[in-house]
Amino acid sequence: KQWYQRRVRGPFASGPSTPATEEGGGPAPLEFNIPQDLANCIDKFKEFYSIEHSGRRLKFVFPLSSGTVGVNYTQRQYTVSMSAYQVATFLPFQEGEHLSREALQTASGLD
């Protein structure tokens, strides 16, 4: 975890929280657009995992994944835990305070 935290900065520096399951286990994943901030985090974690666990296969199970996001709201900072799907819906608000439902659907890929 320390290796990962030294190489990743930003909203996902604490690392992804993704439980491991057997192939085919767990809920069926929804198709969604992975935000670039989260994609960068996943790439760094894959790099870390390949170094630490040579020969093992890594599979992200997004329906069971969660993350912690720092939120600045009304001059206060909050730390919020949310699912990967909620992160995909939440991150587009970094671009502006007001988004239409259609813009959120396009950005997240969720219906």
C-alpha atoms as a PDB file:
ATOM      1  CA  LYS A   1       0.000   0.000   0.000  1.00  0.00           C
ATOM      2  CA  GLN A   2       2.848   2.396   0.763  1.00  0.00           C
ATOM      3  CA  TRP A   3       4.393   1.790  -2.683  1.00  0.00           C
ATOM      4  CA  TYR A   4       1.062   2.625  -4.280  1.00  0.00           C
ATOM      5  CA  GLN A   5       0.490   5.748  -2.171  1.00  0.00           C
ATOM      6  CA  ARG A   6       3.952   7.130  -3.015  1.00  0.00           C
ATOM      7  CA  ARG A   7       3.165   6.929  -6.758  1.00  0.00           C
ATOM      8  CA  VAL A   8      -0.459   8.066  -6.865  1.00  0.00           C
ATOM      9  CA  ARG A   9      -1.614  11.577  -6.047  1.00  0.00           C
ATOM     10  CA  GLY A  10      -5.102  12.992  -6.192  1.00  0.00           C
ATOM     11  CA  PRO A  11      -8.568  11.789  -5.239  1.00  0.00           C
ATOM     12  CA  PHE A  12      -7.683   8.073  -5.271  1.00  0.00           C
ATOM     13  CA  ALA A  13      -4.334   8.139  -3.470  1.00  0.00           C
ATOM     14  CA  SER A  14      -5.579   5.847  -0.706  1.00  0.00           C
ATOM     15  CA  GLY A  15      -6.033   3.090  -3.289  1.00  0.00           C
ATOM     16  CA  PRO A  16      -9.023   1.311  -4.701  1.00  0.00           C
ATOM     17  CA  SER A  17     -11.121  -0.905  -2.497  1.00  0.00           C
ATOM     18  CA  THR A  18     -12.001  -3.872  -4.662  1.00  0.00           C
ATOM     19  CA  PRO A  19     -12.819  -7.240  -3.140  1.00  0.00           C
ATOM     20  CA  ALA A  20     -11.632 -10.384  -4.884  1.00  0.00           C
ATOM     21  CA  THR A  21     -14.151 -12.932  -6.095  1.00  0.00           C
ATOM     22  CA  GLU A  22     -14.028 -16.154  -8.011  1.00  0.00           C
ATOM     23  CA  GLU A  23     -14.569 -16.018 -11.749  1.00  0.00           C
ATOM     24  CA  GLY A  24     -18.273 -15.502 -12.366  1.00  0.00           C
ATOM     25  CA  GLY A  25     -18.947 -14.709  -8.707  1.00  0.00           C
ATOM     26  CA  GLY A  26     -20.668 -11.579  -7.456  1.00  0.00           C
ATOM     27  CA  PRO A  27     -23.198  -9.303  -9.103  1.00  0.00           C
ATOM     28  CA  ALA A  28     -23.204  -8.720 -12.846  1.00  0.00           C
ATOM     29  CA  PRO A  29     -21.251  -5.564 -13.735  1.00  0.00           C
ATOM     30  CA  LEU A  30     -22.900  -2.589 -15.406  1.00  0.00           C
ATOM     31  CA  GLU A  31     -21.195  -1.069 -18.402  1.00  0.00           C
ATOM     32  CA  PHE A  32     -19.960   2.422 -17.561  1.00  0.00           C
ATOM     33  CA  ASN A  33     -17.321   4.955 -18.590  1.00  0.00           C
ATOM     34  CA  ILE A  34     -14.412   4.888 -16.180  1.00  0.00           C
ATOM     35  CA  PRO A  35     -13.429   8.507 -15.380  1.00  0.00           C
ATOM     36  CA  GLN A  36      -9.855   9.409 -16.336  1.00  0.00           C
ATOM     37  CA  ASP A  37      -8.873  10.055 -12.685  1.00  0.00           C
ATOM     38  CA  LEU A  38     -10.063   6.579 -11.769  1.00  0.00           C
ATOM     39  CA  ALA A  39      -8.486   5.010 -14.874  1.00  0.00           C
ATOM     40  CA  ASN A  40      -5.108   6.501 -13.883  1.00  0.00           C
ATOM     41  CA  CYS A  41      -5.519   5.049 -10.401  1.00  0.00           C
ATOM     42  CA  ILE A  42      -6.376   1.627 -11.836  1.00  0.00           C
ATOM     43  CA  ASP A  43      -3.312   1.701 -14.106  1.00  0.00           C
ATOM     44  CA  LYS A  44      -1.025   2.510 -11.161  1.00  0.00           C
ATOM     45  CA  PHE A  45      -2.627  -0.223  -9.070  1.00  0.00           C
ATOM     46  CA  LYS A  46      -2.150  -2.752 -11.900  1.00  0.00           C
ATOM     47  CA  GLU A  47       1.529  -1.773 -12.013  1.00  0.00           C
ATOM     48  CA  PHE A  48       1.828  -2.214  -8.250  1.00  0.00           C
ATOM     49  CA  TYR A  49      -0.025  -5.544  -8.332  1.00  0.00           C
ATOM     50  CA  SER A  50       2.136  -6.959 -11.126  1.00  0.00           C
ATOM     51  CA  ILE A  51       5.277  -6.133  -9.139  1.00  0.00           C
ATOM     52  CA  GLU A  52       3.976  -7.513  -5.846  1.00  0.00           C
ATOM     53  CA  HIS A  53       2.146 -10.590  -7.185  1.00  0.00           C
ATOM     54  CA  SER A  54       3.945 -11.896 -10.246  1.00  0.00           C
ATOM     55  CA  GLY A  55       1.891 -14.432 -12.184  1.00  0.00           C
ATOM     56  CA  ARG A  56      -1.443 -13.668 -10.517  1.00  0.00           C
ATOM     57  CA  ARG A  57      -4.410 -12.365 -12.474  1.00  0.00           C
ATOM     58  CA  LEU A  58      -6.065  -9.121 -11.361  1.00  0.00           C
ATOM     59  CA  LYS A  59      -9.742  -8.533 -12.058  1.00  0.00           C
ATOM     60  CA  PHE A  60     -11.650  -5.471 -10.883  1.00  0.00           C
ATOM     61  CA  VAL A  61     -15.190  -6.158  -9.682  1.00  0.00           C
ATOM     62  CA  PHE A  62     -16.770  -2.724  -9.998  1.00  0.00           C
ATOM     63  CA  PRO A  63     -20.196  -3.590  -8.492  1.00  0.00           C
ATOM     64  CA  LEU A  64     -18.368  -4.391  -5.238  1.00  0.00           C
ATOM     65  CA  SER A  65     -15.813  -1.563  -5.473  1.00  0.00           C
ATOM     66  CA  SER A  66     -15.775   1.629  -3.470  1.00  0.00           C
ATOM     67  CA  GLY A  67     -13.588   4.678  -3.156  1.00  0.00           C
ATOM     68  CA  THR A  68     -13.035   7.639  -0.892  1.00  0.00           C
ATOM     69  CA  VAL A  69     -13.320  11.067  -2.475  1.00  0.00           C
ATOM     70  CA  GLY A  70     -12.425  14.444  -0.979  1.00  0.00           C
ATOM     71  CA  VAL A  71     -15.176  17.021  -1.535  1.00  0.00           C
ATOM     72  CA  ASN A  72     -14.815  20.775  -1.059  1.00  0.00           C
ATOM     73  CA  TYR A  73     -18.214  22.250  -0.328  1.00  0.00           C
ATOM     74  CA  THR A  74     -19.013  25.616   1.272  1.00  0.00           C
ATOM     75  CA  GLN A  75     -15.408  26.239   2.346  1.00  0.00           C
ATOM     76  CA  ARG A  76     -15.235  22.901   4.155  1.00  0.00           C
ATOM     77  CA  GLN A  77     -13.712  19.651   3.023  1.00  0.00           C
ATOM     78  CA  TYR A  78     -15.597  16.396   3.410  1.00  0.00           C
ATOM     79  CA  THR A  79     -14.454  12.839   2.819  1.00  0.00           C
ATOM     80  CA  VAL A  80     -17.124  10.703   1.198  1.00  0.00           C
ATOM     81  CA  SER A  81     -17.089   6.951   0.553  1.00  0.00           C
ATOM     82  CA  MET A  82     -18.982   5.881  -2.549  1.00  0.00           C
ATOM     83  CA  SER A  83     -19.302   3.061  -5.044  1.00  0.00           C
ATOM     84  CA  ALA A  84     -17.374   3.095  -8.329  1.00  0.00           C
ATOM     85  CA  TYR A  85     -20.611   3.930 -10.146  1.00  0.00           C
ATOM     86  CA  GLN A  86     -21.243   6.882  -7.827  1.00  0.00           C
ATOM     87  CA  VAL A  87     -17.686   8.110  -8.452  1.00  0.00           C
ATOM     88  CA  ALA A  88     -18.345   7.940 -12.219  1.00  0.00           C
ATOM     89  CA  THR A  89     -21.450  10.083 -11.699  1.00  0.00           C
ATOM     90  CA  PHE A  90     -19.827  12.442  -9.209  1.00  0.00           C
ATOM     91  CA  LEU A  91     -16.531  13.325 -10.952  1.00  0.00           C
ATOM     92  CA  PRO A  92     -18.094  15.212 -13.905  1.00  0.00           C
ATOM     93  CA  PHE A  93     -19.084  17.889 -11.376  1.00  0.00           C
ATOM     94  CA  GLN A  94     -15.420  18.921 -11.260  1.00  0.00           C
ATOM     95  CA  GLU A  95     -16.105  20.604 -14.604  1.00  0.00           C
ATOM     96  CA  GLY A  96     -19.071  22.626 -13.327  1.00  0.00           C
ATOM     97  CA  GLU A  97     -21.777  22.873 -10.695  1.00  0.00           C
ATOM     98  CA  HIS A  98     -24.731  22.287 -13.003  1.00  0.00           C
ATOM     99  CA  LEU A  99     -25.063  19.321 -15.329  1.00  0.00           C
ATOM    100  CA  SER A 100     -28.116  18.010 -17.105  1.00  0.00           C
ATOM    101  CA  ARG A 101     -29.237  14.439 -16.686  1.00  0.00           C
ATOM    102  CA  GLU A 102     -28.216  13.767 -20.282  1.00  0.00           C
ATOM    103  CA  ALA A 103     -24.700  15.171 -19.650  1.00  0.00           C
ATOM    104  CA  LEU A 104     -24.306  12.911 -16.606  1.00  0.00           C
ATOM    105  CA  GLN A 105     -25.507   9.900 -18.583  1.00  0.00           C
ATOM    106  CA  THR A 106     -23.035  10.666 -21.366  1.00  0.00           C
ATOM    107  CA  ALA A 107     -20.132  11.223 -18.976  1.00  0.00           C
ATOM    108  CA  SER A 108     -20.809   8.156 -16.810  1.00  0.00           C
ATOM    109  CA  GLY A 109     -22.223   5.811 -19.446  1.00  0.00           C
ATOM    110  CA  LEU A 110     -24.910   4.821 -16.932  1.00  0.00           C
ATOM    111  CA  ASP A 111     -28.623   4.934 -17.711  1.00  0.00           C
END
